[in-house]
């Protein structure tokens, strides 16, 4: 099933994400580079971390009258601007629709939410593939017209099966992966193939309430808020750069079932916002932390 495109016209723009040691003149140099080459800036956001003395910036401009061919922009920017200021940058184009793969196990709430937003045309992305270690959600994939691949894992075959997953992702030209309550730990080798391109979601009880029944443990403790965290996956389990978080208040009136319901609702919202920010190229990672632009 193809997503419903709400906007028939897609703006042809380029996006630069920048970070470098802070010093005078960076903002002026970047904007002058764009203006001199007839790039109409439509969004610009910047931030200075005064403790780390690091400058961050996201700038988006129209390419219609830009004089530098898009395939040469990175080279020109590196030579004329980046070298002078020791800038680390990434360049993206709005007309390139990233291809997302979703990894799931048996819980369906995040998957349904992702596919609903996708088919409603909320995101500029393609979802050609769902991978799971269980058959449970194959009917969901079929109903939305998305290919489903079963890759079962155990301690004996994990390395072999992960190689299959990586090969499948390459066959589908996947740009990034979303773990929609995928209950498997990815190996360091797998994560290394997709740095800052694997998005995970989990409840925010960690590390206080780990284990299989965190909501039961939280209810017994009488907590007054529950939360969800979405982050990029790194080799440190559940400790990658955080993209989005949110909380909801609870009270003595809530039982375990209502905690689980509220928690799952929150997981859907937090994960979808993280995916949206990633697709909009509004997340910049530096030293296991993120700058998330508005």
C-alpha atoms as a PDB file:
ATOM      1  CA  UNK A   1       0.000   0.000   0.000  1.00  0.00           C
ATOM      2  CA  UNK A   2       1.391   3.382  -1.007  1.00  0.00           C
ATOM      3  CA  UNK A   3       1.186   6.330   1.334  1.00  0.00           C
ATOM      4  CA  UNK A   4      -1.370   9.036   0.582  1.00  0.00           C
ATOM      5  CA  UNK A   5       0.540  12.149  -0.422  1.00  0.00           C
ATOM      6  CA  UNK A   6      -1.281  15.125   1.097  1.00  0.00           C
ATOM      7  CA  UNK A   7       0.855  17.700  -0.705  1.00  0.00           C
ATOM      8  CA  UNK A   8       1.134  17.184  -4.442  1.00  0.00           C
ATOM      9  CA  UNK A   9       4.109  19.563  -4.737  1.00  0.00           C
ATOM     10  CA  UNK A  10       7.324  18.659  -2.918  1.00  0.00           C
ATOM     11  CA  UNK A  11       9.733  21.547  -2.428  1.00  0.00           C
ATOM     12  CA  UNK A  12      13.145  20.969  -3.959  1.00  0.00           C
ATOM     13  CA  UNK A  13      15.439  21.965  -1.127  1.00  0.00           C
ATOM     14  CA  UNK A  14      18.787  21.092   0.394  1.00  0.00           C
ATOM     15  CA  UNK A  15      19.547  20.781   4.106  1.00  0.00           C
ATOM     16  CA  UNK A  16      22.906  21.222   5.821  1.00  0.00           C
ATOM     17  CA  UNK A  17      23.512  19.942   9.348  1.00  0.00           C
ATOM     18  CA  UNK A  18      26.649  21.479  10.818  1.00  0.00           C
ATOM     19  CA  UNK A  19      28.729  21.303  13.977  1.00  0.00           C
ATOM     20  CA  UNK A  20      32.162  22.704  14.718  1.00  0.00           C
ATOM     21  CA  UNK A  21      34.178  24.587  17.351  1.00  0.00           C
ATOM     22  CA  UNK A  22      32.426  27.888  17.995  1.00  0.00           C
ATOM     23  CA  UNK A  23      34.109  31.002  16.671  1.00  0.00           C
ATOM     24  CA  UNK A  24      33.073  34.306  15.184  1.00  0.00           C
ATOM     25  CA  UNK A  25      31.948  34.402  11.564  1.00  0.00           C
ATOM     26  CA  UNK A  26      30.566  30.887  11.000  1.00  0.00           C
ATOM     27  CA  UNK A  27      26.937  31.938  10.566  1.00  0.00           C
ATOM     28  CA  UNK A  28      27.889  34.782   8.270  1.00  0.00           C
ATOM     29  CA  UNK A  29      30.152  32.586   6.157  1.00  0.00           C
ATOM     30  CA  UNK A  30      27.514  29.892   5.645  1.00  0.00           C
ATOM     31  CA  UNK A  31      24.693  32.298   4.795  1.00  0.00           C
ATOM     32  CA  UNK A  32      26.969  34.298   2.490  1.00  0.00           C
ATOM     33  CA  UNK A  33      27.924  31.084   0.664  1.00  0.00           C
ATOM     34  CA  UNK A  34      24.241  30.339   0.069  1.00  0.00           C
ATOM     35  CA  UNK A  35      23.245  33.889  -0.836  1.00  0.00           C
ATOM     36  CA  UNK A  36      26.112  34.385  -3.276  1.00  0.00           C
ATOM     37  CA  UNK A  37      24.971  31.252  -5.117  1.00  0.00           C
ATOM     38  CA  UNK A  38      21.317  32.329  -5.158  1.00  0.00           C
ATOM     39  CA  UNK A  39      20.096  29.877  -2.550  1.00  0.00           C
ATOM     40  CA  UNK A  40      16.869  31.152  -0.998  1.00  0.00           C
ATOM     41  CA  UNK A  41      17.074  30.232   2.702  1.00  0.00           C
ATOM     42  CA  UNK A  42      13.720  29.056   4.035  1.00  0.00           C
ATOM     43  CA  UNK A  43      14.719  27.673   7.462  1.00  0.00           C
ATOM     44  CA  UNK A  44      17.677  28.433   9.691  1.00  0.00           C
ATOM     45  CA  UNK A  45      18.237  27.317  13.263  1.00  0.00           C
ATOM     46  CA  UNK A  46      21.461  27.480  15.258  1.00  0.00           C
ATOM     47  CA  UNK A  47      22.670  26.826  18.781  1.00  0.00           C
ATOM     48  CA  UNK A  48      25.889  27.348  20.715  1.00  0.00           C
ATOM     49  CA  UNK A  49      26.840  25.002  23.544  1.00  0.00           C
ATOM     50  CA  UNK A  50      28.863  27.369  25.714  1.00  0.00           C
ATOM     51  CA  UNK A  51      30.142  24.588  27.956  1.00  0.00           C
ATOM     52  CA  UNK A  52      31.545  22.494  25.098  1.00  0.00           C
ATOM     53  CA  UNK A  53      32.146  25.608  22.917  1.00  0.00           C
ATOM     54  CA  UNK A  54      30.474  23.909  19.962  1.00  0.00           C
ATOM     55  CA  UNK A  55      28.380  25.595  17.265  1.00  0.00           C
ATOM     56  CA  UNK A  56      25.399  23.716  15.791  1.00  0.00           C
ATOM     57  CA  UNK A  57      23.332  24.711  12.797  1.00  0.00           C
ATOM     58  CA  UNK A  58      20.600  23.485  10.487  1.00  0.00           C
ATOM     59  CA  UNK A  59      19.925  25.448   7.328  1.00  0.00           C
ATOM     60  CA  UNK A  60      17.533  24.630   4.486  1.00  0.00           C
ATOM     61  CA  UNK A  61      17.397  26.436   1.161  1.00  0.00           C
ATOM     62  CA  UNK A  62      15.642  26.198  -2.188  1.00  0.00           C
ATOM     63  CA  UNK A  63      17.578  24.705  -5.080  1.00  0.00           C
ATOM     64  CA  UNK A  64      15.516  26.117  -7.939  1.00  0.00           C
ATOM     65  CA  UNK A  65      17.912  28.999  -8.689  1.00  0.00           C
ATOM     66  CA  UNK A  66      20.971  27.698  -6.843  1.00  0.00           C
ATOM     67  CA  UNK A  67      23.977  28.008  -9.148  1.00  0.00           C
ATOM     68  CA  UNK A  68      25.993  25.062  -7.805  1.00  0.00           C
ATOM     69  CA  UNK A  69      24.855  21.660  -9.176  1.00  0.00           C
ATOM     70  CA  UNK A  70      23.534  19.502  -6.360  1.00  0.00           C
ATOM     71  CA  UNK A  71      26.175  16.831  -6.932  1.00  0.00           C
ATOM     72  CA  UNK A  72      28.888  19.482  -6.400  1.00  0.00           C
ATOM     73  CA  UNK A  73      27.453  21.256  -3.336  1.00  0.00           C
ATOM     74  CA  UNK A  74      29.266  19.129  -0.756  1.00  0.00           C
ATOM     75  CA  UNK A  75      32.635  19.572  -2.519  1.00  0.00           C
ATOM     76  CA  UNK A  76      32.215  23.339  -2.849  1.00  0.00           C
ATOM     77  CA  UNK A  77      31.103  23.723   0.768  1.00  0.00           C
ATOM     78  CA  UNK A  78      33.983  21.573   2.036  1.00  0.00           C
ATOM     79  CA  UNK A  79      36.560  23.567   0.082  1.00  0.00           C
ATOM     80  CA  UNK A  80      35.223  27.084   0.589  1.00  0.00           C
ATOM     81  CA  UNK A  81      33.722  26.953   4.096  1.00  0.00           C
ATOM     82  CA  UNK A  82      34.141  23.720   6.057  1.00  0.00           C
ATOM     83  CA  UNK A  83      37.943  23.587   5.925  1.00  0.00           C
ATOM     84  CA  UNK A  84      38.267  27.132   7.230  1.00  0.00           C
ATOM     85  CA  UNK A  85      36.099  26.540  10.310  1.00  0.00           C
ATOM     86  CA  UNK A  86      36.783  22.809  10.910  1.00  0.00           C
ATOM     87  CA  UNK A  87      33.122  22.106  10.181  1.00  0.00           C
ATOM     88  CA  UNK A  88      31.696  18.601  10.243  1.00  0.00           C
ATOM     89  CA  UNK A  89      28.586  18.497   8.066  1.00  0.00           C
ATOM     90  CA  UNK A  90      26.026  16.310   6.341  1.00  0.00           C
ATOM     91  CA  UNK A  91      24.036  17.301   3.273  1.00  0.00           C
ATOM     92  CA  UNK A  92      20.509  16.084   2.503  1.00  0.00           C
ATOM     93  CA  UNK A  93      17.912  16.704  -0.186  1.00  0.00           C
ATOM     94  CA  UNK A  94      14.184  16.983   0.448  1.00  0.00           C
ATOM     95  CA  UNK A  95      13.175  15.145  -2.713  1.00  0.00           C
ATOM     96  CA  UNK A  96      14.950  11.946  -1.632  1.00  0.00           C
ATOM     97  CA  UNK A  97      12.444   9.812   0.263  1.00  0.00           C
ATOM     98  CA  UNK A  98      14.283   7.715   2.875  1.00  0.00           C
ATOM     99  CA  UNK A  99      13.397   4.030   2.967  1.00  0.00           C
ATOM    100  CA  UNK A 100      12.455   2.696   6.382  1.00  0.00           C
ATOM    101  CA  UNK A 101      12.458  -0.889   7.648  1.00  0.00           C
ATOM    102  CA  UNK A 102      10.489  -1.748  10.774  1.00  0.00           C
ATOM    103  CA  UNK A 103      11.623  -4.489  13.157  1.00  0.00           C
ATOM    104  CA  UNK A 104       8.922  -6.011  15.381  1.00  0.00           C
ATOM    105  CA  UNK A 105       8.332  -8.976  17.655  1.00  0.00           C
ATOM    106  CA  UNK A 106       4.787  -9.614  18.908  1.00  0.00           C
ATOM    107  CA  UNK A 107       3.506  -6.267  20.256  1.00  0.00           C
ATOM    108  CA  UNK A 108       1.556  -4.411  17.593  1.00  0.00           C
ATOM    109  CA  UNK A 109       0.736  -0.951  18.978  1.00  0.00           C
ATOM    110  CA  UNK A 110       3.775   0.889  17.610  1.00  0.00           C
ATOM    111  CA  UNK A 111       3.629  -0.935  14.271  1.00  0.00           C
ATOM    112  CA  UNK A 112      -0.032  -0.056  13.712  1.00  0.00           C
ATOM    113  CA  UNK A 113       0.676   3.582  14.552  1.00  0.00           C
ATOM    114  CA  UNK A 114       3.642   3.744  12.155  1.00  0.00           C
ATOM    115  CA  UNK A 115       1.704   2.175   9.287  1.00  0.00           C
ATOM    116  CA  UNK A 116      -1.331   4.379   9.917  1.00  0.00           C
ATOM    117  CA  UNK A 117       0.776   7.558   9.772  1.00  0.00           C
ATOM    118  CA  UNK A 118       2.596   6.260   6.724  1.00  0.00           C
ATOM    119  CA  UNK A 119      -0.542   5.438   4.741  1.00  0.00           C
ATOM    120  CA  UNK A 120      -2.098   8.776   5.782  1.00  0.00           C
ATOM    121  CA  UNK A 121       0.830  10.537   4.126  1.00  0.00           C
ATOM    122  CA  UNK A 122       2.109  12.137   7.322  1.00  0.00           C
ATOM    123  CA  UNK A 123       5.736  11.281   6.505  1.00  0.00           C
ATOM    124  CA  UNK A 124       7.872  11.621   3.402  1.00  0.00           C
ATOM    125  CA  UNK A 125       9.201   8.065   3.513  1.00  0.00           C
ATOM    126  CA  UNK A 126       8.716   4.615   2.029  1.00  0.00           C
ATOM    127  CA  UNK A 127       8.224   1.498   4.159  1.00  0.00           C
ATOM    128  CA  UNK A 128       8.873  -1.514   1.925  1.00  0.00           C
ATOM    129  CA  UNK A 129       9.874  -3.989   4.635  1.00  0.00           C
ATOM    130  CA  UNK A 130       8.974  -5.397   8.047  1.00  0.00           C
ATOM    131  CA  UNK A 131      11.325  -7.876   9.735  1.00  0.00           C
ATOM    132  CA  UNK A 132      10.275  -9.951  12.732  1.00  0.00           C
ATOM    133  CA  UNK A 133      11.484 -12.816  14.864  1.00  0.00           C
ATOM    134  CA  UNK A 134       7.869 -14.062  15.171  1.00  0.00           C
ATOM    135  CA  UNK A 135       5.037 -14.805  12.751  1.00  0.00           C
ATOM    136  CA  UNK A 136       2.515 -12.936  14.905  1.00  0.00           C
ATOM    137  CA  UNK A 137       2.380  -9.665  12.943  1.00  0.00           C
ATOM    138  CA  UNK A 138       2.595 -11.050   9.411  1.00  0.00           C
ATOM    139  CA  UNK A 139      -1.168 -10.423   8.870  1.00  0.00           C
ATOM    140  CA  UNK A 140      -0.649  -6.754   9.780  1.00  0.00           C
ATOM    141  CA  UNK A 141       2.092  -6.391   7.184  1.00  0.00           C
ATOM    142  CA  UNK A 142      -0.082  -8.115   4.588  1.00  0.00           C
ATOM    143  CA  UNK A 143      -3.069  -5.860   5.272  1.00  0.00           C
ATOM    144  CA  UNK A 144      -0.906  -2.782   4.652  1.00  0.00           C
ATOM    145  CA  UNK A 145       0.825  -4.274   1.603  1.00  0.00           C
ATOM    146  CA  UNK A 146       4.308  -4.324   3.153  1.00  0.00           C
ATOM    147  CA  UNK A 147       6.735  -7.205   2.633  1.00  0.00           C
ATOM    148  CA  UNK A 148       7.276  -9.333   5.753  1.00  0.00           C
ATOM    149  CA  UNK A 149      10.433 -11.304   6.466  1.00  0.00           C
ATOM    150  CA  UNK A 150      10.614 -13.830   9.304  1.00  0.00           C
ATOM    151  CA  UNK A 151      14.100 -14.080  10.818  1.00  0.00           C
ATOM    152  CA  UNK A 152      13.974 -16.314  13.876  1.00  0.00           C
ATOM    153  CA  UNK A 153      16.835 -16.017  16.332  1.00  0.00           C
ATOM    154  CA  UNK A 154      18.347 -17.931  19.197  1.00  0.00           C
ATOM    155  CA  UNK A 155      21.703 -17.838  20.950  1.00  0.00           C
ATOM    156  CA  UNK A 156      23.166 -20.365  18.521  1.00  0.00           C
ATOM    157  CA  UNK A 157      22.182 -18.703  15.242  1.00  0.00           C
ATOM    158  CA  UNK A 158      22.066 -14.987  16.122  1.00  0.00           C
ATOM    159  CA  UNK A 159      25.213 -13.995  14.234  1.00  0.00           C
ATOM    160  CA  UNK A 160      24.151 -15.906  11.126  1.00  0.00           C
ATOM    161  CA  UNK A 161      20.623 -14.490  11.211  1.00  0.00           C
ATOM    162  CA  UNK A 162      21.853 -10.947  11.629  1.00  0.00           C
ATOM    163  CA  UNK A 163      23.942 -11.339   8.497  1.00  0.00           C
ATOM    164  CA  UNK A 164      20.740 -12.346   6.695  1.00  0.00           C
ATOM    165  CA  UNK A 165      18.986  -9.262   8.033  1.00  0.00           C
ATOM    166  CA  UNK A 166      21.783  -6.982   6.862  1.00  0.00           C
ATOM    167  CA  UNK A 167      21.690  -8.561   3.410  1.00  0.00           C
ATOM    168  CA  UNK A 168      17.903  -8.135   3.211  1.00  0.00           C
ATOM    169  CA  UNK A 169      18.188  -4.481   4.254  1.00  0.00           C
ATOM    170  CA  UNK A 170      20.713  -3.932   1.469  1.00  0.00           C
ATOM    171  CA  UNK A 171      18.448  -5.674  -1.063  1.00  0.00           C
ATOM    172  CA  UNK A 172      15.619  -3.294  -0.130  1.00  0.00           C
ATOM    173  CA  UNK A 173      17.935  -0.252  -0.158  1.00  0.00           C
ATOM    174  CA  UNK A 174      16.972   0.605   3.418  1.00  0.00           C
ATOM    175  CA  UNK A 175      18.210   3.947   4.761  1.00  0.00           C
ATOM    176  CA  UNK A 176      17.201   3.567   8.391  1.00  0.00           C
ATOM    177  CA  UNK A 177      15.625   1.079  10.790  1.00  0.00           C
ATOM    178  CA  UNK A 178      12.918   1.519  13.426  1.00  0.00           C
ATOM    179  CA  UNK A 179      12.663  -0.949  16.305  1.00  0.00           C
ATOM    180  CA  UNK A 180       8.935  -0.941  17.056  1.00  0.00           C
ATOM    181  CA  UNK A 181       9.122  -2.909  20.303  1.00  0.00           C
ATOM    182  CA  UNK A 182      11.537  -5.410  18.799  1.00  0.00           C
ATOM    183  CA  UNK A 183      12.544  -7.623  21.694  1.00  0.00           C
ATOM    184  CA  UNK A 184      16.008  -8.561  20.520  1.00  0.00           C
ATOM    185  CA  UNK A 185      19.364  -6.982  21.320  1.00  0.00           C
ATOM    186  CA  UNK A 186      21.280  -6.013  18.185  1.00  0.00           C
ATOM    187  CA  UNK A 187      24.954  -6.904  17.998  1.00  0.00           C
ATOM    188  CA  UNK A 188      27.695  -4.298  17.758  1.00  0.00           C
ATOM    189  CA  UNK A 189      28.387  -5.436  14.205  1.00  0.00           C
ATOM    190  CA  UNK A 190      24.783  -4.864  13.156  1.00  0.00           C
ATOM    191  CA  UNK A 191      24.659  -1.406  14.783  1.00  0.00           C
ATOM    192  CA  UNK A 192      27.911  -0.411  13.064  1.00  0.00           C
ATOM    193  CA  UNK A 193      26.194  -0.796   9.687  1.00  0.00           C
ATOM    194  CA  UNK A 194      23.630   1.889  10.564  1.00  0.00           C
ATOM    195  CA  UNK A 195      25.218   4.526  12.822  1.00  0.00           C
ATOM    196  CA  UNK A 196      22.573   6.967  14.077  1.00  0.00           C
ATOM    197  CA  UNK A 197      20.112   5.275  11.734  1.00  0.00           C
ATOM    198  CA  UNK A 198      18.453   2.792  14.098  1.00  0.00           C
ATOM    199  CA  UNK A 199      15.665   4.282  16.217  1.00  0.00           C
ATOM    200  CA  UNK A 200      14.422   2.458  19.317  1.00  0.00           C
ATOM    201  CA  UNK A 201      11.538   3.026  21.737  1.00  0.00           C
ATOM    202  CA  UNK A 202      11.150   1.846  25.306  1.00  0.00           C
ATOM    203  CA  UNK A 203       9.525   2.814  28.577  1.00  0.00           C
ATOM    204  CA  UNK A 204      11.494   5.193  30.751  1.00  0.00           C
ATOM    205  CA  UNK A 205      11.491   3.054  33.889  1.00  0.00           C
ATOM    206  CA  UNK A 206      15.061   1.967  33.248  1.00  0.00           C
ATOM    207  CA  UNK A 207      17.180   1.338  35.193  1.00  0.00           C
ATOM    208  CA  UNK A 208      14.886   1.391  38.238  1.00  0.00           C
ATOM    209  CA  UNK A 209      12.346  -1.126  36.927  1.00  0.00           C
ATOM    210  CA  UNK A 210      14.052  -3.488  34.538  1.00  0.00           C
ATOM    211  CA  UNK A 211      12.815  -6.925  33.597  1.00  0.00           C
ATOM    212  CA  UNK A 212       9.772  -8.406  31.904  1.00  0.00           C
ATOM    213  CA  UNK A 213       7.079  -6.617  33.951  1.00  0.00           C
ATOM    214  CA  UNK A 214       8.197  -3.025  34.548  1.00  0.00           C
ATOM    215  CA  UNK A 215       4.645  -1.692  34.797  1.00  0.00           C
ATOM    216  CA  UNK A 216       3.823  -4.183  37.539  1.00  0.00           C
ATOM    217  CA  UNK A 217       6.947  -3.148  39.431  1.00  0.00           C
ATOM    218  CA  UNK A 218       6.192   0.553  38.940  1.00  0.00           C
ATOM    219  CA  UNK A 219       2.629   0.078  40.168  1.00  0.00           C
ATOM    220  CA  UNK A 220       3.838  -1.703  43.283  1.00  0.00           C
ATOM    221  CA  UNK A 221       6.254   1.157  43.947  1.00  0.00           C
ATOM    222  CA  UNK A 222       3.487   3.738  43.533  1.00  0.00           C
ATOM    223  CA  UNK A 223       5.181   5.908  40.914  1.00  0.00           C
ATOM    224  CA  UNK A 224       3.368   9.118  39.918  1.00  0.00           C
ATOM    225  CA  UNK A 225       4.649   9.511  36.361  1.00  0.00           C
ATOM    226  CA  UNK A 226       5.472   7.087  33.587  1.00  0.00           C
ATOM    227  CA  UNK A 227       7.429   7.887  30.474  1.00  0.00           C
ATOM    228  CA  UNK A 228       8.807   6.763  27.136  1.00  0.00           C
ATOM    229  CA  UNK A 229      12.150   7.363  25.449  1.00  0.00           C
ATOM    230  CA  UNK A 230      13.135   7.132  21.801  1.00  0.00           C
ATOM    231  CA  UNK A 231      16.818   7.122  20.932  1.00  0.00           C
ATOM    232  CA  UNK A 232      19.367   6.078  18.364  1.00  0.00           C
ATOM    233  CA  UNK A 233      20.793   2.627  19.017  1.00  0.00           C
ATOM    234  CA  UNK A 234      24.462   2.355  19.924  1.00  0.00           C
ATOM    235  CA  UNK A 235      26.615  -0.459  21.257  1.00  0.00           C
ATOM    236  CA  UNK A 236      25.647   0.618  24.792  1.00  0.00           C
ATOM    237  CA  UNK A 237      22.259  -0.975  25.422  1.00  0.00           C
ATOM    238  CA  UNK A 238      19.465   1.625  25.758  1.00  0.00           C
ATOM    239  CA  UNK A 239      22.058   4.367  26.249  1.00  0.00           C
ATOM    240  CA  UNK A 240      22.177   5.907  22.779  1.00  0.00           C
ATOM    241  CA  UNK A 241      21.556   9.574  21.929  1.00  0.00           C
ATOM    242  CA  UNK A 242      18.021  10.524  22.974  1.00  0.00           C
ATOM    243  CA  UNK A 243      15.765  11.991  20.283  1.00  0.00           C
ATOM    244  CA  UNK A 244      12.445  12.410  22.104  1.00  0.00           C
ATOM    245  CA  UNK A 245      10.966  11.744  25.523  1.00  0.00           C
ATOM    246  CA  UNK A 246       7.639  12.385  27.205  1.00  0.00           C
ATOM    247  CA  UNK A 247       5.780  11.567  30.415  1.00  0.00           C
ATOM    248  CA  UNK A 248       2.206  11.188  31.613  1.00  0.00           C
ATOM    249  CA  UNK A 249       1.014  11.570  35.191  1.00  0.00           C
ATOM    250  CA  UNK A 250      -0.734   8.753  36.980  1.00  0.00           C
ATOM    251  CA  UNK A 251      -2.383   8.418  40.377  1.00  0.00           C
ATOM    252  CA  UNK A 252      -3.555   5.924  42.959  1.00  0.00           C
ATOM    253  CA  UNK A 253      -6.607   5.385  40.739  1.00  0.00           C
ATOM    254  CA  UNK A 254      -4.493   3.680  38.063  1.00  0.00           C
ATOM    255  CA  UNK A 255      -4.055  -0.074  38.073  1.00  0.00           C
ATOM    256  CA  UNK A 256      -1.515  -2.124  36.129  1.00  0.00           C
ATOM    257  CA  UNK A 257      -3.780  -2.321  33.067  1.00  0.00           C
ATOM    258  CA  UNK A 258      -4.247   1.443  32.874  1.00  0.00           C
ATOM    259  CA  UNK A 259      -0.507   1.984  33.338  1.00  0.00           C
ATOM    260  CA  UNK A 260       0.184  -0.349  30.421  1.00  0.00           C
ATOM    261  CA  UNK A 261      -2.452   1.378  28.268  1.00  0.00           C
ATOM    262  CA  UNK A 262      -1.107   4.855  29.013  1.00  0.00           C
ATOM    263  CA  UNK A 263       2.451   3.652  28.566  1.00  0.00           C
ATOM    264  CA  UNK A 264       1.758   2.144  25.159  1.00  0.00           C
ATOM    265  CA  UNK A 265      -0.053   5.283  24.005  1.00  0.00           C
ATOM    266  CA  UNK A 266       2.973   7.302  25.058  1.00  0.00           C
ATOM    267  CA  UNK A 267       5.357   4.950  23.269  1.00  0.00           C
ATOM    268  CA  UNK A 268       3.461   5.453  20.011  1.00  0.00           C
ATOM    269  CA  UNK A 269       3.560   9.247  20.285  1.00  0.00           C
ATOM    270  CA  UNK A 270       7.213   9.453  21.303  1.00  0.00           C
ATOM    271  CA  UNK A 271       8.373   7.019  18.622  1.00  0.00           C
ATOM    272  CA  UNK A 272       6.396   8.737  15.863  1.00  0.00           C
ATOM    273  CA  UNK A 273       7.835  12.119  16.854  1.00  0.00           C
ATOM    274  CA  UNK A 274      11.364  10.689  16.771  1.00  0.00           C
ATOM    275  CA  UNK A 275      10.754   9.252  13.298  1.00  0.00           C
ATOM    276  CA  UNK A 276       9.360  12.590  12.107  1.00  0.00           C
ATOM    277  CA  UNK A 277      12.353  14.534  13.448  1.00  0.00           C
ATOM    278  CA  UNK A 278      14.723  12.060  11.795  1.00  0.00           C
ATOM    279  CA  UNK A 279      12.918  12.338   8.460  1.00  0.00           C
ATOM    280  CA  UNK A 280      12.992  16.130   8.656  1.00  0.00           C
ATOM    281  CA  UNK A 281      16.768  16.021   9.224  1.00  0.00           C
ATOM    282  CA  UNK A 282      16.333  17.917  12.463  1.00  0.00           C
ATOM    283  CA  UNK A 283      18.496  15.704  14.678  1.00  0.00           C
ATOM    284  CA  UNK A 284      22.230  16.312  15.031  1.00  0.00           C
ATOM    285  CA  UNK A 285      24.264  13.866  17.112  1.00  0.00           C
ATOM    286  CA  UNK A 286      27.419  14.905  18.937  1.00  0.00           C
ATOM    287  CA  UNK A 287      29.187  12.934  21.710  1.00  0.00           C
ATOM    288  CA  UNK A 288      26.177  10.674  22.398  1.00  0.00           C
ATOM    289  CA  UNK A 289      23.877  13.674  22.806  1.00  0.00           C
ATOM    290  CA  UNK A 290      21.499  15.252  20.336  1.00  0.00           C
ATOM    291  CA  UNK A 291      20.571  18.724  19.252  1.00  0.00           C
ATOM    292  CA  UNK A 292      16.965  18.485  18.031  1.00  0.00           C
ATOM    293  CA  UNK A 293      16.050  21.551  16.013  1.00  0.00           C
ATOM    294  CA  UNK A 294      12.531  22.995  15.973  1.00  0.00           C
END
